[in-house]
Each structure stands twice: as structure tokens, then as C-alpha cells.
Amino acid sequence: MKFNCWNPSAGDPRQLEYAGQRPVQEVFEELKYRLEARAICANTSC
């Protein structure tokens, strides 16, 4: 899972600029989805 956000540089679109971290809720939802997909986490317990 990726936790950081990167955007194309305004000066050179071939390069990336650090844009900060992803929101906690977004990371949590991705983690929950991945665990449910692997049947590691029951839908009601996460």
C-alpha cells in the first residue's frame, strides 16, 4: 500500500513532487478492502 501522494511537477511533468500523505480514512478503507478480499477480516469486525 502506498501512503504518500505524488503529483507531476509543474516545471517538468516527467518528474514528481511530494504532495503529502494520503488521508487516514482513505488508507483505512484500502486496508479494510484488502483484508476482506483475503477473508482475513470479517466485514463486521473491522
N, C-alpha and C. Protein backbone atom coordinates (compact mmCIF):
# COMPACT_ATOMS: atom_id res chain seq x y z
N MET A 1 0.84 -1.18 0.00
CA MET A 1 0.00 0.00 0.00
C MET A 1 0.88 1.24 0.00
N LYS A 2 0.45 2.20 -0.72
CA LYS A 2 1.19 3.46 -0.76
C LYS A 2 0.55 4.45 0.20
N PHE A 3 1.40 5.14 0.95
CA PHE A 3 0.91 6.09 1.94
C PHE A 3 1.15 7.54 1.53
N ASN A 4 2.02 7.75 0.58
CA ASN A 4 2.35 9.12 0.17
C ASN A 4 1.72 9.45 -1.17
N CYS A 5 1.48 10.73 -1.40
CA CYS A 5 0.91 11.20 -2.66
C CYS A 5 1.98 11.96 -3.44
N TRP A 6 2.02 11.72 -4.72
CA TRP A 6 2.97 12.39 -5.60
C TRP A 6 2.21 12.96 -6.79
N ASN A 7 2.57 14.15 -7.21
CA ASN A 7 1.97 14.81 -8.37
C ASN A 7 3.05 15.14 -9.38
N PRO A 8 2.68 15.19 -10.66
CA PRO A 8 3.67 15.61 -11.67
C PRO A 8 4.14 17.04 -11.37
N SER A 9 5.40 17.27 -11.58
CA SER A 9 5.99 18.59 -11.37
C SER A 9 5.43 19.57 -12.40
N ALA A 10 5.13 20.80 -11.96
CA ALA A 10 4.63 21.82 -12.87
C ALA A 10 5.71 22.21 -13.88
N GLY A 11 6.96 22.23 -13.45
CA GLY A 11 8.05 22.62 -14.32
C GLY A 11 8.49 21.53 -15.28
N ASP A 12 8.38 20.28 -14.84
CA ASP A 12 8.82 19.15 -15.66
C ASP A 12 7.89 17.97 -15.37
N PRO A 13 6.89 17.72 -16.21
CA PRO A 13 5.93 16.65 -15.94
C PRO A 13 6.53 15.25 -15.87
N ARG A 14 7.79 15.10 -16.27
CA ARG A 14 8.45 13.79 -16.17
C ARG A 14 8.91 13.52 -14.76
N GLN A 15 8.92 14.54 -13.90
CA GLN A 15 9.34 14.39 -12.51
C GLN A 15 8.14 14.52 -11.59
N LEU A 16 8.28 13.97 -10.39
CA LEU A 16 7.21 14.03 -9.41
C LEU A 16 7.59 14.93 -8.24
N GLU A 17 6.58 15.55 -7.65
CA GLU A 17 6.77 16.35 -6.45
C GLU A 17 5.94 15.73 -5.33
N TYR A 18 6.51 15.71 -4.14
CA TYR A 18 5.82 15.15 -2.98
C TYR A 18 4.62 16.03 -2.64
N ALA A 19 3.45 15.43 -2.50
CA ALA A 19 2.23 16.19 -2.22
C ALA A 19 1.67 15.89 -0.83
N GLY A 20 2.36 15.08 -0.05
CA GLY A 20 1.91 14.78 1.31
C GLY A 20 1.41 13.35 1.44
N GLN A 21 0.87 13.07 2.62
CA GLN A 21 0.36 11.73 2.90
C GLN A 21 -1.12 11.63 2.55
N ARG A 22 -1.52 10.40 2.26
CA ARG A 22 -2.93 10.14 1.99
C ARG A 22 -3.73 10.31 3.28
N PRO A 23 -5.00 10.70 3.17
CA PRO A 23 -5.85 10.81 4.37
C PRO A 23 -5.98 9.46 5.07
N VAL A 24 -6.05 9.48 6.38
CA VAL A 24 -6.13 8.26 7.18
C VAL A 24 -7.34 7.41 6.76
N GLN A 25 -8.48 8.03 6.55
CA GLN A 25 -9.69 7.28 6.19
C GLN A 25 -9.50 6.54 4.87
N GLU A 26 -8.82 7.16 3.92
CA GLU A 26 -8.56 6.52 2.63
C GLU A 26 -7.67 5.29 2.79
N VAL A 27 -6.62 5.40 3.61
CA VAL A 27 -5.72 4.28 3.85
C VAL A 27 -6.46 3.16 4.58
N PHE A 28 -7.29 3.53 5.58
CA PHE A 28 -8.05 2.54 6.32
C PHE A 28 -9.01 1.78 5.40
N GLU A 29 -9.70 2.49 4.52
CA GLU A 29 -10.64 1.84 3.62
C GLU A 29 -9.93 0.87 2.67
N GLU A 30 -8.75 1.25 2.19
CA GLU A 30 -7.99 0.34 1.32
C GLU A 30 -7.55 -0.89 2.09
N LEU A 31 -7.06 -0.70 3.31
CA LEU A 31 -6.63 -1.83 4.13
C LEU A 31 -7.81 -2.75 4.42
N LYS A 32 -8.95 -2.18 4.79
CA LYS A 32 -10.14 -2.97 5.07
C LYS A 32 -10.55 -3.79 3.84
N TYR A 33 -10.55 -3.15 2.67
CA TYR A 33 -10.89 -3.84 1.42
C TYR A 33 -9.95 -5.01 1.15
N ARG A 34 -8.66 -4.76 1.34
CA ARG A 34 -7.68 -5.83 1.07
C ARG A 34 -7.84 -6.99 2.03
N LEU A 35 -8.08 -6.70 3.30
CA LEU A 35 -8.26 -7.77 4.29
C LEU A 35 -9.54 -8.56 4.02
N GLU A 36 -10.62 -7.85 3.70
CA GLU A 36 -11.87 -8.54 3.39
C GLU A 36 -11.72 -9.41 2.14
N ALA A 37 -10.99 -8.94 1.15
CA ALA A 37 -10.79 -9.70 -0.08
C ALA A 37 -10.05 -11.00 0.18
N ARG A 38 -9.22 -11.01 1.19
CA ARG A 38 -8.46 -12.22 1.53
C ARG A 38 -9.14 -13.01 2.64
N ALA A 39 -10.33 -12.59 3.03
CA ALA A 39 -11.11 -13.25 4.08
C ALA A 39 -10.33 -13.30 5.40
N ILE A 40 -9.50 -12.28 5.65
CA ILE A 40 -8.75 -12.20 6.89
C ILE A 40 -9.57 -11.46 7.94
N CYS A 41 -10.37 -10.55 7.47
CA CYS A 41 -11.12 -9.68 8.36
C CYS A 41 -12.60 -9.79 8.00
N ALA A 42 -13.42 -10.17 8.96
CA ALA A 42 -14.86 -10.23 8.71
C ALA A 42 -15.40 -8.82 8.53
N ASN A 43 -16.40 -8.68 7.72
CA ASN A 43 -16.96 -7.37 7.40
C ASN A 43 -17.42 -6.61 8.63
N THR A 44 -17.93 -7.28 9.63
CA THR A 44 -18.48 -6.60 10.81
C THR A 44 -17.42 -6.33 11.88
N SER A 45 -16.28 -6.97 11.82
CA SER A 45 -15.29 -6.80 12.89
C SER A 45 -14.26 -5.73 12.60
N CYS A 46 -14.27 -5.14 11.43
CA CYS A 46 -13.30 -4.09 11.10
C CYS A 46 -13.96 -2.73 11.09
